């Protein structure tokens, strides 16, 4: 019974990871697009959201590695991966894609920049998928206790 859910987790994980890396490669190879409100342009983020913690330099990738490992052990111990394989696959595929960037490219490859009315942090597909998975987990938690 768990094998089917584990396969579902792995397929979603790989799908998110590969799609994110393909998109990032396009920007690393020079793709760029500008509009009045959104720019799609390459930026290597050495920090996390809003470039926070960039002062940690290369230590940040090791700190994030430890956090992802602990989260992985928690998800396995609490059987979250088996209860919610798709959402878990989205979260870990995106998180490990950004972590992969840190190790291979020296920072996370970001490219979506909103600048209409106000400047917003530059982000990528993986960031969006992490946010989506957190929103879905929060929704599940809130509806469980209603």
Protein backbone atom coordinates (compact mmCIF):
# COMPACT_ATOMS: atom_id res chain seq x y z
CA UNK A 1 0.00 0.00 0.00
CA UNK A 2 2.80 2.41 0.83
CA UNK A 3 4.66 1.55 -2.39
CA UNK A 4 2.05 3.25 -4.61
CA UNK A 5 2.11 6.38 -2.49
CA UNK A 6 5.91 6.40 -2.40
CA UNK A 7 6.00 6.10 -6.20
CA UNK A 8 3.51 8.98 -6.45
CA UNK A 9 5.73 11.07 -4.13
CA UNK A 10 8.84 10.28 -6.20
CA UNK A 11 7.13 11.06 -9.52
CA UNK A 12 5.84 14.43 -8.28
CA UNK A 13 9.22 15.15 -6.66
CA UNK A 14 11.06 14.44 -9.94
CA UNK A 15 8.54 16.37 -12.02
CA UNK A 16 8.86 19.54 -9.91
CA UNK A 17 12.66 19.24 -9.66
CA UNK A 18 13.15 18.69 -13.42
CA UNK A 19 10.67 21.38 -14.54
CA UNK A 20 12.29 23.91 -12.18
CA UNK A 21 15.79 23.08 -13.42
CA UNK A 22 14.71 23.28 -17.10
CA UNK A 23 13.21 26.73 -16.54
CA UNK A 24 16.34 27.87 -14.69
CA UNK A 25 18.56 26.61 -17.52
CA UNK A 26 16.66 28.82 -19.96
CA UNK A 27 17.55 31.87 -17.89
CA UNK A 28 21.13 30.71 -17.36
CA UNK A 29 21.39 30.47 -21.16
CA UNK A 30 20.30 34.08 -21.64
CA UNK A 31 16.51 34.06 -21.85
CA UNK A 32 15.03 37.39 -20.76
CA UNK A 33 11.67 39.13 -21.13
CA UNK A 34 10.53 42.56 -19.94
CA UNK A 35 7.11 44.12 -19.50
CA UNK A 36 5.64 47.07 -17.65
CA UNK A 37 4.94 45.05 -14.49
CA UNK A 38 6.96 41.85 -14.66
CA UNK A 39 10.51 41.19 -15.75
CA UNK A 40 11.79 37.70 -16.38
CA UNK A 41 15.49 38.14 -15.84
CA UNK A 42 18.30 36.13 -14.27
CA UNK A 43 19.37 36.79 -10.70
CA UNK A 44 21.47 34.55 -8.47
CA UNK A 45 20.16 34.88 -4.92
CA UNK A 46 22.81 34.15 -2.30
CA UNK A 47 20.28 34.52 0.52
CA UNK A 48 16.72 33.36 1.08
CA UNK A 49 13.54 35.40 0.52
CA UNK A 50 14.33 39.09 0.03
CA UNK A 51 18.05 38.06 0.11
CA UNK A 52 17.90 37.61 3.89
CA UNK A 53 20.78 35.70 5.46
CA UNK A 54 23.04 36.28 2.43
CA UNK A 55 25.72 37.25 4.96
CA UNK A 56 25.97 33.53 5.85
CA UNK A 57 27.61 32.87 2.49
CA UNK A 58 28.27 29.21 1.73
CA UNK A 59 27.18 28.21 5.25
CA UNK A 60 23.58 28.82 4.20
CA UNK A 61 23.52 25.76 1.93
CA UNK A 62 24.65 23.54 4.81
CA UNK A 63 22.10 25.04 7.20
CA UNK A 64 19.36 24.48 4.63
CA UNK A 65 20.59 20.94 4.01
CA UNK A 66 20.24 20.13 7.71
CA UNK A 67 16.78 21.70 7.85
CA UNK A 68 15.59 19.72 4.81
CA UNK A 69 17.02 16.49 6.25
CA UNK A 70 15.24 17.06 9.58
CA UNK A 71 12.01 17.88 7.74
CA UNK A 72 12.43 14.71 5.67
CA UNK A 73 12.88 12.57 8.79
CA UNK A 74 9.84 14.21 10.36
CA UNK A 75 7.74 13.59 7.24
CA UNK A 76 8.81 9.93 7.22
CA UNK A 77 8.33 9.42 10.98
CA UNK A 78 4.88 11.04 10.96
CA UNK A 79 4.00 9.33 7.65
CA UNK A 80 3.21 12.68 6.03
CA UNK A 81 4.73 11.46 2.75
CA UNK A 82 2.30 8.52 2.73
CA UNK A 83 -0.71 10.58 3.80
CA UNK A 84 -0.03 13.43 1.34
CA UNK A 85 2.42 12.18 -1.30
CA UNK A 86 1.61 14.81 -3.93
CA UNK A 87 1.96 17.83 -1.64
CA UNK A 88 5.08 16.32 -0.04
CA UNK A 89 6.57 15.68 -3.50
CA UNK A 90 5.91 19.29 -4.49
CA UNK A 91 7.57 20.60 -1.32
CA UNK A 92 10.67 18.40 -1.44
CA UNK A 93 11.12 18.64 -5.21
CA UNK A 94 11.11 22.43 -5.03
CA UNK A 95 13.23 22.66 -1.87
CA UNK A 96 15.89 20.31 -3.24
CA UNK A 97 15.94 22.08 -6.59
CA UNK A 98 16.76 25.37 -4.86
CA UNK A 99 19.32 23.60 -2.66
CA UNK A 100 20.85 22.01 -5.78
CA UNK A 101 21.31 25.55 -7.16
CA UNK A 102 23.18 26.59 -4.03
CA UNK A 103 25.66 23.74 -4.38
CA UNK A 104 26.07 23.86 -8.18
CA UNK A 105 25.59 27.56 -8.99
CA UNK A 106 26.58 29.30 -5.76
CA UNK A 107 23.06 30.63 -5.14
CA UNK A 108 19.44 30.09 -6.10
CA UNK A 109 18.53 30.93 -9.69
CA UNK A 110 15.67 33.44 -9.51
CA UNK A 111 14.01 35.14 -12.46
CA UNK A 112 10.48 36.49 -11.82
CA UNK A 113 10.62 40.13 -10.77
CA UNK A 114 7.41 42.07 -10.07
CA UNK A 115 7.89 45.86 -10.28
CA UNK A 116 4.43 47.32 -10.94
CA UNK A 117 3.35 49.74 -8.24
CA UNK A 118 5.89 48.30 -5.80
CA UNK A 119 9.07 46.26 -5.95
CA UNK A 120 8.70 42.66 -4.86
CA UNK A 121 11.35 40.06 -4.20
CA UNK A 122 12.60 38.18 -7.24
CA UNK A 123 11.57 34.51 -7.15
CA UNK A 124 11.28 31.32 -9.20
CA UNK A 125 8.99 28.35 -9.92
CA UNK A 126 10.37 26.34 -6.97
CA UNK A 127 9.61 29.19 -4.57
CA UNK A 128 6.05 29.26 -5.86
CA UNK A 129 5.72 25.48 -5.44
CA UNK A 130 7.06 25.69 -1.86
CA UNK A 131 4.48 28.39 -1.09
CA UNK A 132 1.72 26.31 -2.73
CA UNK A 133 2.62 23.20 -0.70
CA UNK A 134 2.65 25.18 2.55
CA UNK A 135 -0.74 26.70 1.72
CA UNK A 136 -2.13 23.23 0.96
CA UNK A 137 -0.73 21.77 4.19
CA UNK A 138 -2.17 24.72 6.15
CA UNK A 139 -5.55 24.22 4.46
CA UNK A 140 -5.51 20.51 5.37
CA UNK A 141 -4.59 21.33 8.97
CA UNK A 142 -7.32 23.96 9.28
CA UNK A 143 -10.03 21.79 7.75
CA UNK A 144 -9.02 18.82 9.92
CA UNK A 145 -9.80 20.73 13.11
CA UNK A 146 -13.12 22.26 11.96
